[in-house]
Amino acid sequence: MTKFDVFISLSADKKRFQSIFAYNVDLCGLMNNLSRITLLRAWMLNVIKYSNLKPHCPLEAGHYYIRNFTVEKGSIPVYLQAGEYRIVTHHYYKGKKNKKEIKVADFQADLEID
């Protein structure tokens, strides 16, 4: 599972961010059905291009990276206003017996849209 939080900076000093939206998604379900969801497909394929992640599940234990990441044309919705954005992801899975959340990884990316 992955929790996505997207924030926008509302202050001149660019230190205060306000949430625009947040949602949880079954990342493996998403990756295995990328052809159905065009915006998420663009985002995931953009990340996969600059990483050693596989484009499908299951993801095995290991070391993964994202290097020299560049936002590809078409992966940012045209309706987003210019500004400073922060994207935070929390990746986890739930244990089968006790349903306890087990943290896998957290990422934060800051993005400026002109």
Protein backbone atom coordinates (compact mmCIF):
# COMPACT_ATOMS: atom_id res chain seq x y z
CA MET A 1 0.00 0.00 0.00
CA THR A 2 1.07 3.57 -0.58
CA LYS A 3 -0.25 6.75 0.95
CA PHE A 4 0.24 9.76 -1.34
CA ASP A 5 0.10 13.29 0.08
CA VAL A 6 0.36 16.28 -2.25
CA PHE A 7 0.91 19.75 -0.81
CA ILE A 8 1.27 23.28 -2.23
CA SER A 9 3.31 26.09 -0.70
CA LEU A 10 1.14 29.04 0.30
CA SER A 11 3.78 31.27 1.80
CA ALA A 12 6.44 33.52 0.30
CA ASP A 13 9.17 31.77 2.32
CA LYS A 14 8.10 28.41 0.82
CA LYS A 15 8.25 26.67 4.20
CA ARG A 16 4.51 26.30 4.83
CA PHE A 17 2.60 23.78 2.78
CA GLN A 18 -1.11 23.01 2.69
CA SER A 19 -2.52 19.64 1.69
CA ILE A 20 -4.26 19.51 -1.69
CA PHE A 21 -5.15 15.83 -1.55
CA ALA A 22 -4.15 12.57 0.08
CA TYR A 23 -5.16 9.03 -0.67
CA ASN A 24 -4.14 5.43 -0.13
CA VAL A 25 -3.64 3.14 -3.09
CA ASP A 26 -2.77 -0.51 -3.57
CA LEU A 27 0.50 0.10 -5.40
CA CYS A 28 0.77 -3.44 -6.78
CA GLY A 29 -2.81 -3.30 -8.01
CA LEU A 30 -2.04 0.02 -9.66
CA MET A 31 1.18 -1.20 -11.27
CA ASN A 32 -0.52 -4.31 -12.61
CA ASN A 33 -3.31 -2.19 -14.16
CA LEU A 34 -1.38 0.83 -15.44
CA SER A 35 -3.05 0.81 -18.82
CA ARG A 36 -6.37 1.79 -17.22
CA ILE A 37 -5.35 4.96 -15.35
CA THR A 38 -3.56 7.37 -17.67
CA LEU A 39 -2.28 10.02 -15.20
CA LEU A 40 -1.03 7.46 -12.68
CA ARG A 41 0.45 5.47 -15.55
CA ALA A 42 2.42 8.53 -16.67
CA TRP A 43 3.69 9.12 -13.11
CA MET A 44 4.72 5.51 -12.55
CA LEU A 45 6.39 5.12 -15.95
CA ASN A 46 8.25 8.37 -15.31
CA VAL A 47 9.58 7.04 -11.98
CA ILE A 48 10.40 3.61 -13.43
CA LYS A 49 12.42 5.23 -16.25
CA TYR A 50 14.86 6.74 -13.72
CA SER A 51 15.01 3.83 -11.28
CA ASN A 52 15.72 0.16 -10.99
CA LEU A 53 12.11 -0.58 -10.00
CA LYS A 54 10.25 -3.23 -11.92
CA PRO A 55 7.05 -2.08 -13.65
CA HIS A 56 5.04 -4.86 -12.00
CA CYS A 57 4.62 -6.71 -8.72
CA PRO A 58 5.67 -8.42 -6.64
CA LEU A 59 8.64 -6.27 -5.70
CA GLU A 60 11.28 -8.34 -4.03
CA ALA A 61 13.35 -7.24 -1.04
CA GLY A 62 16.35 -5.29 -2.20
CA HIS A 63 17.85 -1.87 -2.70
CA TYR A 64 16.03 0.44 -5.06
CA TYR A 65 16.99 3.87 -6.32
CA ILE A 66 15.71 6.80 -8.34
CA ARG A 67 18.54 8.76 -10.00
CA ASN A 68 18.68 11.90 -12.12
CA PHE A 69 14.91 12.12 -12.03
CA THR A 70 13.29 14.47 -14.52
CA VAL A 71 9.57 15.10 -14.78
CA GLU A 72 8.49 14.02 -18.24
CA LYS A 73 6.17 16.14 -20.36
CA GLY A 74 2.60 14.97 -19.93
CA SER A 75 3.05 13.67 -16.38
CA ILE A 76 1.90 16.92 -14.74
CA PRO A 77 -1.81 17.75 -15.08
CA VAL A 78 -2.35 20.98 -17.04
CA TYR A 79 -4.86 22.22 -14.44
CA LEU A 80 -2.23 22.53 -11.67
CA GLN A 81 -1.39 26.16 -11.03
CA ALA A 82 2.17 27.42 -11.02
CA GLY A 83 3.83 27.08 -7.62
CA GLU A 84 5.89 25.00 -5.23
CA TYR A 85 4.59 21.49 -4.55
CA ARG A 86 5.65 18.73 -2.18
CA ILE A 87 4.81 15.07 -2.76
CA VAL A 88 5.21 12.71 0.17
CA THR A 89 4.73 8.95 -0.15
CA HIS A 90 4.56 6.39 2.64
CA HIS A 91 4.90 2.77 1.48
CA TYR A 92 3.77 -0.02 3.78
CA TYR A 93 2.09 -3.37 3.98
CA LYS A 94 -0.11 -4.92 6.59
CA GLY A 95 0.77 -8.13 8.33
CA LYS A 96 -1.50 -11.04 7.46
CA LYS A 97 -2.21 -12.14 11.02
CA ASN A 98 -2.32 -9.01 13.14
CA LYS A 99 -2.93 -6.41 10.38
CA LYS A 100 -0.14 -4.28 11.84
CA GLU A 101 1.25 -1.68 9.41
CA ILE A 102 4.84 -2.48 8.46
CA LYS A 103 6.77 0.46 7.03
CA VAL A 104 8.67 -0.19 3.82
CA ALA A 105 9.85 3.26 2.69
CA ASP A 106 9.05 6.97 2.74
CA PHE A 107 9.88 9.49 0.02
CA GLN A 108 9.57 13.24 -0.31
CA ALA A 109 9.97 15.25 -3.51
CA ASP A 110 9.69 18.99 -4.00
CA LEU A 111 8.55 20.24 -7.39
CA GLU A 112 8.27 23.72 -8.89
CA ILE A 113 5.77 24.28 -11.67
CA ASP A 114 6.24 27.42 -13.77
